């Protein structure tokens, strides 16, 4: 079983306008509600791949019930920790030329909420993996992921992590299955600036040396790199019309873990992950299974370095 952890989920309320004028009454052209949060997006993609997954996190109130019901309707199992506080609602305002996001702060969590949440990890076994994704609510403290990682490993399970910056580096020594910084994040982590793809390679290898089992570096429209063992692989970009890039990285992580859970083949997992991220970018919401396979068949991977 793959468990996705979203500590600060959200209900995203999308409102589209032909034109938006501040201070005036604006009539929407389209509205929709979707569950938000990196781990939740990963669960949604795994459902498209028909891979068993269970979503964990904190939910409360109407927004929390919406998220829970939505994921179940798509095929996820859920074991969310119910809280008294309300799950946040984010408002996304989109016009033909602009997009504005009004994001709410996360709910307050009690010691009892945290205790109940951590009890869910007692179900883990050596056949399971957990992916930690997204920001940590301030109330939980900066080291909360490290504490959870220790618990996961104590049950013999594996973990992956999808967080930003220095917090990612702090987890590498624990041996995550995969980490997935993009170019900008890698530049920030190591205080460098990349001009050419070749300049990225030493830093991907450095993350392997620090403990990651696999490293994916996304380069947006320029493709992606996989660092595994002593080799480096390049996935060529696929051309298409960008419709919605939100959740592309989450989809890449989900695809990688879905294949890894079956085969433990890093190259096959890389190809599946890149296909999922590509299909997400070319879709308004989540791609269909048919479109996922179409993208998968277009992914071309080649070895570009053997580490020597």
Protein backbone atom coordinates (compact mmCIF):
# COMPACT_ATOMS: atom_id res chain seq x y z
CA UNK A 1 0.00 0.00 0.00
CA UNK A 2 1.14 3.54 -0.75
CA UNK A 3 0.14 6.13 1.84
CA UNK A 4 0.04 9.81 0.91
CA UNK A 5 0.39 12.37 3.70
CA UNK A 6 -1.05 15.88 3.30
CA UNK A 7 -0.73 17.75 6.58
CA UNK A 8 -2.46 20.92 5.36
CA UNK A 9 -5.08 19.95 2.74
CA UNK A 10 -7.47 22.43 1.17
CA UNK A 11 -10.65 22.70 -0.77
CA UNK A 12 -9.78 24.75 -3.85
CA UNK A 13 -12.68 26.86 -5.13
CA UNK A 14 -12.03 27.93 -8.72
CA UNK A 15 -13.84 30.97 -10.15
CA UNK A 16 -13.33 31.94 -13.79
CA UNK A 17 -14.24 35.34 -15.24
CA UNK A 18 -14.03 36.91 -18.65
CA UNK A 19 -12.84 40.02 -16.81
CA UNK A 20 -12.40 40.76 -13.10
CA UNK A 21 -12.68 44.28 -11.71
CA UNK A 22 -11.70 44.91 -8.10
CA UNK A 23 -14.33 46.72 -6.04
CA UNK A 24 -17.21 45.76 -8.35
CA UNK A 25 -19.72 42.89 -8.63
CA UNK A 26 -18.25 40.24 -10.93
CA UNK A 27 -20.27 37.35 -12.38
CA UNK A 28 -18.42 34.10 -12.84
CA UNK A 29 -18.20 32.31 -16.15
CA UNK A 30 -17.41 29.00 -14.45
CA UNK A 31 -17.02 27.68 -10.90
CA UNK A 32 -15.75 24.34 -9.62
CA UNK A 33 -14.46 22.80 -6.40
CA UNK A 34 -11.57 20.35 -6.18
CA UNK A 35 -9.53 18.87 -3.34
CA UNK A 36 -6.09 20.44 -3.01
CA UNK A 37 -2.75 19.54 -1.47
CA UNK A 38 0.31 17.78 -2.85
CA UNK A 39 -0.36 14.37 -1.29
CA UNK A 40 -3.99 14.53 -2.33
CA UNK A 41 -2.95 15.24 -5.93
CA UNK A 42 -0.65 12.22 -5.73
CA UNK A 43 -3.52 10.02 -4.55
CA UNK A 44 -5.68 11.28 -7.42
CA UNK A 45 -3.02 10.35 -9.98
CA UNK A 46 -2.51 6.92 -8.43
CA UNK A 47 -6.23 6.34 -8.86
CA UNK A 48 -5.81 6.93 -12.60
CA UNK A 49 -3.09 4.29 -12.54
CA UNK A 50 -5.31 1.94 -10.54
CA UNK A 51 -2.74 1.68 -7.76
CA UNK A 52 -3.98 1.16 -4.22
CA UNK A 53 -3.43 4.18 -2.01
CA UNK A 54 -4.59 5.57 1.30
CA UNK A 55 -4.73 9.29 2.01
CA UNK A 56 -3.70 10.55 5.46
CA UNK A 57 -3.86 14.01 6.99
CA UNK A 58 -6.08 16.31 9.03
CA UNK A 59 -9.59 17.26 7.87
CA UNK A 60 -12.52 19.08 9.46
CA UNK A 61 -15.89 20.62 8.64
CA UNK A 62 -17.59 20.85 5.25
CA UNK A 63 -14.34 21.24 3.29
CA UNK A 64 -12.87 18.20 5.00
CA UNK A 65 -15.92 16.06 4.23
CA UNK A 66 -15.79 17.21 0.61
CA UNK A 67 -12.15 16.12 0.28
CA UNK A 68 -12.81 12.77 1.92
CA UNK A 69 -15.87 12.02 -0.23
CA UNK A 70 -14.15 13.17 -3.42
CA UNK A 71 -11.11 10.94 -2.96
CA UNK A 72 -13.27 7.93 -2.11
CA UNK A 73 -15.38 8.52 -5.23
CA UNK A 74 -12.19 8.35 -7.35
CA UNK A 75 -10.93 5.15 -5.76
CA UNK A 76 -8.69 6.15 -2.86
CA UNK A 77 -8.96 4.70 0.58
CA UNK A 78 -8.84 7.38 3.28
CA UNK A 79 -7.78 7.39 6.91
CA UNK A 80 -7.89 11.10 7.61
CA UNK A 81 -7.75 12.33 11.19
CA UNK A 82 -10.94 14.30 11.93
CA UNK A 83 -10.39 17.61 13.71
CA UNK A 84 -12.77 20.16 15.24
CA UNK A 85 -11.28 23.05 13.26
CA UNK A 86 -12.30 23.70 9.64
CA UNK A 87 -10.13 22.57 6.73
CA UNK A 88 -9.01 25.64 4.81
CA UNK A 89 -10.67 26.84 1.61
CA UNK A 90 -8.54 28.52 -1.06
CA UNK A 91 -10.07 30.73 -3.74
CA UNK A 92 -8.54 30.67 -7.23
CA UNK A 93 -9.61 33.58 -9.44
CA UNK A 94 -8.86 33.16 -13.13
CA UNK A 95 -9.39 35.49 -16.08
CA UNK A 96 -8.30 35.15 -19.69
CA UNK A 97 -5.02 36.90 -18.90
CA UNK A 98 -4.35 36.36 -15.22
CA UNK A 99 -4.72 34.03 -12.25
CA UNK A 100 -4.85 35.01 -8.57
CA UNK A 101 -4.73 32.62 -5.64
CA UNK A 102 -6.19 33.57 -2.26
CA UNK A 103 -4.85 30.90 0.09
CA UNK A 104 -6.09 30.50 3.65
CA UNK A 105 -3.96 29.62 6.65
CA UNK A 106 -4.22 26.08 7.95
CA UNK A 107 -6.37 25.15 10.96
CA UNK A 108 -5.13 25.03 14.53
CA UNK A 109 -4.26 21.50 15.65
CA UNK A 110 -4.44 20.17 19.18
CA UNK A 111 -2.08 17.71 20.86
CA UNK A 112 -4.91 15.17 20.73
CA UNK A 113 -5.27 15.69 16.95
CA UNK A 114 -1.57 14.97 16.47
CA UNK A 115 -1.67 11.92 18.73
CA UNK A 116 -4.60 10.43 16.78
CA UNK A 117 -2.88 11.15 13.47
CA UNK A 118 0.33 9.40 14.52
CA UNK A 119 -1.67 6.33 15.56
CA UNK A 120 -2.44 5.76 11.86
CA UNK A 121 1.21 4.83 11.27
CA UNK A 122 0.80 1.74 13.42
CA UNK A 123 -0.83 0.06 10.42
CA UNK A 124 2.40 0.16 8.41
CA UNK A 125 4.40 -2.90 7.40
CA UNK A 126 7.55 -3.58 5.37
CA UNK A 127 5.45 -3.86 2.20
CA UNK A 128 4.21 -0.27 2.49
CA UNK A 129 5.58 3.10 1.45
CA UNK A 130 4.65 6.60 2.59
CA UNK A 131 5.04 9.83 0.66
CA UNK A 132 5.23 13.07 2.63
CA UNK A 133 4.22 16.03 0.51
CA UNK A 134 3.88 19.75 1.04
CA UNK A 135 4.32 22.21 3.86
CA UNK A 136 4.10 21.51 7.57
CA UNK A 137 1.53 23.52 9.55
CA UNK A 138 3.40 25.88 11.86
CA UNK A 139 1.84 24.33 14.96
CA UNK A 140 3.56 20.99 14.26
CA UNK A 141 7.11 22.34 14.30
CA UNK A 142 9.91 22.29 11.73
CA UNK A 143 11.09 18.76 12.58
CA UNK A 144 7.72 17.01 12.32
CA UNK A 145 8.58 15.18 9.09
CA UNK A 146 11.79 13.82 10.61
CA UNK A 147 9.78 12.42 13.52
CA UNK A 148 7.32 10.78 11.13
CA UNK A 149 10.11 9.35 8.99
CA UNK A 150 11.61 7.66 12.02
CA UNK A 151 8.22 6.09 12.77
CA UNK A 152 7.81 4.88 9.18
CA UNK A 153 11.24 3.25 9.21
CA UNK A 154 10.60 1.66 12.61
CA UNK A 155 7.81 -0.37 10.97
CA UNK A 156 10.09 -1.42 8.10
CA UNK A 157 8.27 0.72 5.52
CA UNK A 158 9.91 2.99 2.92
CA UNK A 159 9.26 6.67 2.36
CA UNK A 160 9.51 9.36 -0.28
CA UNK A 161 9.38 13.08 0.34
CA UNK A 162 8.28 16.06 -1.73
CA UNK A 163 9.17 19.28 0.10
CA UNK A 164 11.19 22.39 -0.68
CA UNK A 165 14.68 23.61 0.07
CA UNK A 166 16.66 22.86 3.17
CA UNK A 167 13.89 20.70 4.62
CA UNK A 168 14.50 18.27 1.77
CA UNK A 169 18.23 18.04 2.47
CA UNK A 170 17.55 17.27 6.12
CA UNK A 171 15.73 14.05 5.15
CA UNK A 172 18.26 12.60 2.69
CA UNK A 173 20.32 10.72 5.26
CA UNK A 174 17.22 8.62 6.04
CA UNK A 175 17.27 7.20 2.47
CA UNK A 176 14.10 8.33 0.71
CA UNK A 177 12.98 6.25 -2.28
CA UNK A 178 12.96 9.36 -4.45
CA UNK A 179 13.20 13.14 -4.22
CA UNK A 180 12.11 15.47 -6.99
CA UNK A 181 13.50 19.02 -6.94
CA UNK A 182 13.03 21.19 -10.00
CA UNK A 183 15.85 23.36 -11.36
CA UNK A 184 14.87 26.44 -9.36
CA UNK A 185 14.66 24.44 -6.13
CA UNK A 186 18.03 22.81 -6.79
CA UNK A 187 19.58 26.22 -7.41
CA UNK A 188 18.15 27.50 -4.13
CA UNK A 189 19.25 24.44 -2.14
CA UNK A 190 22.89 24.67 -3.28
CA UNK A 191 23.08 28.46 -3.90
CA UNK A 192 24.07 28.05 -7.55
CA UNK A 193 22.81 29.12 -10.98
CA UNK A 194 22.61 26.66 -13.88
CA UNK A 195 23.23 27.74 -17.45
CA UNK A 196 23.51 24.27 -19.03
CA UNK A 197 22.13 20.81 -18.29
CA UNK A 198 25.64 19.47 -17.73
CA UNK A 199 26.01 21.80 -14.74
CA UNK A 200 23.10 20.09 -12.96
CA UNK A 201 24.72 16.64 -12.93
CA UNK A 202 27.18 17.10 -10.02
CA UNK A 203 24.36 18.31 -7.76
CA UNK A 204 22.02 15.44 -8.59
CA UNK A 205 24.87 13.06 -7.80
CA UNK A 206 25.52 14.94 -4.58
CA UNK A 207 21.95 14.27 -3.43
CA UNK A 208 22.50 10.57 -4.11
CA UNK A 209 25.69 10.68 -2.07
CA UNK A 210 23.75 12.32 0.76
CA UNK A 211 21.42 9.33 0.92
CA UNK A 212 18.58 9.56 -1.63
CA UNK A 213 17.97 6.30 -3.52
CA UNK A 214 16.80 8.13 -6.65
CA UNK A 215 16.76 11.79 -7.65
CA UNK A 216 14.58 13.34 -10.35
CA UNK A 217 15.36 16.88 -11.47
CA UNK A 218 12.58 18.47 -13.49
CA UNK A 219 13.65 21.04 -16.08
CA UNK A 220 10.12 21.99 -17.20
CA UNK A 221 10.01 22.27 -21.00
CA UNK A 222 13.60 21.03 -21.28
CA UNK A 223 12.90 17.53 -19.98
CA UNK A 224 14.03 15.83 -16.79
CA UNK A 225 17.00 13.96 -15.32
CA UNK A 226 17.09 10.78 -13.26
CA UNK A 227 20.05 10.02 -10.99
CA UNK A 228 20.16 6.41 -9.80
CA UNK A 229 23.08 4.25 -8.67
CA UNK A 230 26.04 5.61 -10.65
CA UNK A 231 24.07 6.54 -13.78
CA UNK A 232 22.20 9.54 -15.13
CA UNK A 233 19.25 9.36 -17.53
CA UNK A 234 17.51 12.07 -19.56
CA UNK A 235 13.81 12.13 -20.45
CA UNK A 236 13.14 14.17 -23.57
CA UNK A 237 10.31 16.72 -23.34
CA UNK A 238 7.04 15.96 -25.12
CA UNK A 239 5.44 18.72 -27.17
CA UNK A 240 1.83 19.68 -26.50
CA UNK A 241 -0.54 22.44 -25.41
CA UNK A 242 -0.08 23.42 -21.75
CA UNK A 243 -3.49 23.55 -20.07
CA UNK A 244 -2.77 23.35 -16.34
CA UNK A 245 0.68 22.84 -14.82
CA UNK A 246 -0.62 22.74 -11.22
CA UNK A 247 0.07 19.30 -9.79
CA UNK A 248 2.51 18.24 -12.52
CA UNK A 249 5.30 17.58 -10.04
CA UNK A 250 2.92 15.73 -7.73
CA UNK A 251 1.82 13.60 -10.66
CA UNK A 252 5.44 12.79 -11.52
CA UNK A 253 6.05 11.64 -7.96
CA UNK A 254 2.86 9.56 -7.98
CA UNK A 255 3.76 7.85 -11.25
CA UNK A 256 7.26 7.02 -10.05
CA UNK A 257 6.03 5.51 -6.77
CA UNK A 258 3.22 3.60 -8.48
CA UNK A 259 5.69 1.79 -10.74
CA UNK A 260 8.36 1.47 -8.05
CA UNK A 261 5.88 -0.29 -5.77
CA UNK A 262 5.45 -2.98 -8.43
CA UNK A 263 8.90 -3.42 -9.96
CA UNK A 264 11.55 -1.47 -8.00
CA UNK A 265 12.87 -0.57 -11.46
CA UNK A 266 14.08 3.04 -11.32
CA UNK A 267 14.13 3.60 -15.09
CA UNK A 268 10.62 2.20 -15.59
CA UNK A 269 9.42 4.28 -12.64
CA UNK A 270 11.06 7.39 -14.12
CA UNK A 271 9.32 6.86 -17.45
CA UNK A 272 5.94 6.36 -15.75
CA UNK A 273 6.48 9.42 -13.57
CA UNK A 274 7.41 11.69 -16.47
CA UNK A 275 4.41 10.40 -18.45
CA UNK A 276 2.09 11.27 -15.56
CA UNK A 277 3.57 14.74 -15.13
CA UNK A 278 3.36 15.38 -18.87
CA UNK A 279 -0.24 14.20 -19.10
CA UNK A 280 -1.20 16.42 -16.16
CA UNK A 281 0.30 19.53 -17.82
CA UNK A 282 -1.69 18.83 -20.98
CA UNK A 283 -5.00 18.35 -19.09
CA UNK A 284 -7.37 20.81 -17.40
CA UNK A 285 -7.70 18.56 -14.35
CA UNK A 286 -6.54 14.95 -14.09
CA UNK A 287 -5.84 13.07 -17.34
CA UNK A 288 -7.78 10.03 -18.47
CA UNK A 289 -6.19 6.58 -18.42
CA UNK A 290 -6.18 6.56 -22.23
CA UNK A 291 -4.34 9.89 -22.39
CA UNK A 292 -1.86 8.72 -19.76
CA UNK A 293 -0.93 5.75 -21.94
CA UNK A 294 -0.65 7.96 -25.00
CA UNK A 295 1.83 10.19 -23.17
CA UNK A 296 3.69 7.17 -21.78
CA UNK A 297 4.29 5.86 -25.30
CA UNK A 298 5.85 9.21 -26.29
CA UNK A 299 8.41 9.31 -23.48
CA UNK A 300 11.97 8.68 -24.67
CA UNK A 301 14.75 8.06 -22.15
CA UNK A 302 18.47 7.80 -22.77
CA UNK A 303 21.53 7.40 -20.57
CA UNK A 304 23.71 10.50 -20.66
CA UNK A 305 26.37 9.71 -18.07
CA UNK A 306 27.71 6.67 -16.26
CA UNK A 307 29.13 8.74 -13.43
CA UNK A 308 32.75 8.53 -14.55
